[in-house]
C-alpha atoms as a PDB file:
ATOM      1  CA  MET A   1       1.441   6.699  -1.978  1.00  0.00           C
ATOM      2  CA  LEU A   2       3.595   4.422   0.120  1.00  0.00           C
ATOM      3  CA  HIS A   3       2.580   6.559   3.093  1.00  0.00           C
ATOM      4  CA  TYR A   4      -1.094   5.773   2.451  1.00  0.00           C
ATOM      5  CA  ALA A   5      -0.331   2.058   2.171  1.00  0.00           C
ATOM      6  CA  VAL A   6       1.384   2.160   5.567  1.00  0.00           C
ATOM      7  CA  VAL A   7      -1.513   4.135   7.079  1.00  0.00           C
ATOM      8  CA  PHE A   8      -4.080   1.609   5.851  1.00  0.00           C
ATOM      9  CA  PHE A   9      -1.870  -1.235   7.098  1.00  0.00           C
ATOM     10  CA  VAL A  10      -1.765   0.323  10.574  1.00  0.00           C
ATOM     11  CA  ILE A  11      -5.543   0.828  10.491  1.00  0.00           C
ATOM     12  CA  ALA A  12      -5.951  -2.835   9.566  1.00  0.00           C
ATOM     13  CA  LEU A  13      -3.726  -3.916  12.454  1.00  0.00           C
ATOM     14  CA  ILE A  14      -5.609  -1.760  14.963  1.00  0.00           C
ATOM     15  CA  ALA A  15      -8.986  -2.937  13.667  1.00  0.00           C
ATOM     16  CA  ALA A  16      -7.863  -6.572  13.854  1.00  0.00           C
ATOM     17  CA  LEU A  17      -6.661  -6.010  17.407  1.00  0.00           C
ATOM     18  CA  PHE A  18     -10.108  -4.777  18.434  1.00  0.00           C
ATOM     19  CA  GLY A  19     -11.885  -7.558  16.545  1.00  0.00           C
ATOM     20  CA  PHE A  20     -13.363  -5.658  13.629  1.00  0.00           C
ATOM     21  CA  GLY A  21     -12.693  -8.309  10.983  1.00  0.00           C
ATOM     22  CA  GLY A  22     -14.495  -6.669   8.081  1.00  0.00           C
ATOM     23  CA  ILE A  23     -12.835  -3.299   8.595  1.00  0.00           C
ATOM     24  CA  ALA A  24      -9.429  -4.918   9.011  1.00  0.00           C
ATOM     25  CA  ALA A  25      -9.828  -6.954   5.827  1.00  0.00           C
ATOM     26  CA  GLY A  26     -10.917  -3.906   3.842  1.00  0.00           C
ATOM     27  CA  ALA A  27      -8.050  -1.748   5.096  1.00  0.00           C
ATOM     28  CA  ALA A  28      -5.551  -4.538   4.424  1.00  0.00           C
ATOM     29  CA  GLU A  29      -6.803  -4.901   0.847  1.00  0.00           C
ATOM     30  CA  ILE A  30      -6.509  -1.146   0.246  1.00  0.00           C
ATOM     31  CA  ALA A  31      -2.999  -1.156   1.708  1.00  0.00           C
ATOM     32  CA  LYS A  32      -1.987  -4.072  -0.500  1.00  0.00           C
ATOM     33  CA  ILE A  33      -3.345  -2.416  -3.656  1.00  0.00           C
ATOM     34  CA  LEU A  34      -1.657   0.910  -2.883  1.00  0.00           C
ATOM     35  CA  PHE A  35       1.644  -0.849  -2.164  1.00  0.00           C
ATOM     36  CA  PHE A  36       1.614  -2.675  -5.502  1.00  0.00           C
ATOM     37  CA  ILE A  37       0.727   0.539  -7.348  1.00  0.00           C
ATOM     38  CA  PHE A  38       3.664   2.215  -5.593  1.00  0.00           C
ATOM     39  CA  VAL A  39       6.035  -0.594  -6.628  1.00  0.00           C
ATOM     40  CA  VAL A  40       4.889  -0.446 -10.261  1.00  0.00           C
ATOM     41  CA  LEU A  41       5.285   3.339 -10.416  1.00  0.00           C
ATOM     42  CA  PHE A  42       8.709   3.077  -8.772  1.00  0.00           C
ATOM     43  CA  VAL A  43       9.921   0.543 -11.348  1.00  0.00           C
ATOM     44  CA  ILE A  44       8.560   2.654 -14.204  1.00  0.00           C
ATOM     45  CA  SER A  45      10.322   5.755 -12.902  1.00  0.00           C
ATOM     46  CA  LEU A  46      13.587   3.807 -12.589  1.00  0.00           C
ATOM     47  CA  LEU A  47      13.309   2.585 -16.175  1.00  0.00           C
ATOM     48  CA  VAL A  48      12.507   6.075 -17.476  1.00  0.00           C
ATOM     49  CA  GLY A  49      15.497   7.436 -15.557  1.00  0.00           C
ATOM     50  CA  LEU A  50      17.798   4.833 -17.108  1.00  0.00           C
ATOM     51  CA  VAL A  51      16.502   5.489 -20.630  1.00  0.00           C
ATOM     52  CA  ARG A  52      17.085   9.252 -20.342  1.00  0.00           C
ATOM     53  CA  ARG A  53      20.789   8.780 -19.640  1.00  0.00           C
END
């Protein structure tokens, strides 16, 4: 999932470079949402790993 966030971030940067504001904003929003989902799932998996010990 972090891979997809990075891919959408790169797409947003390329689109912003070429002047496609709407596409860049949409890709940046998707990247931001995927990154936060990744962080939440990472924290949950860390907590589950600590509880199992």
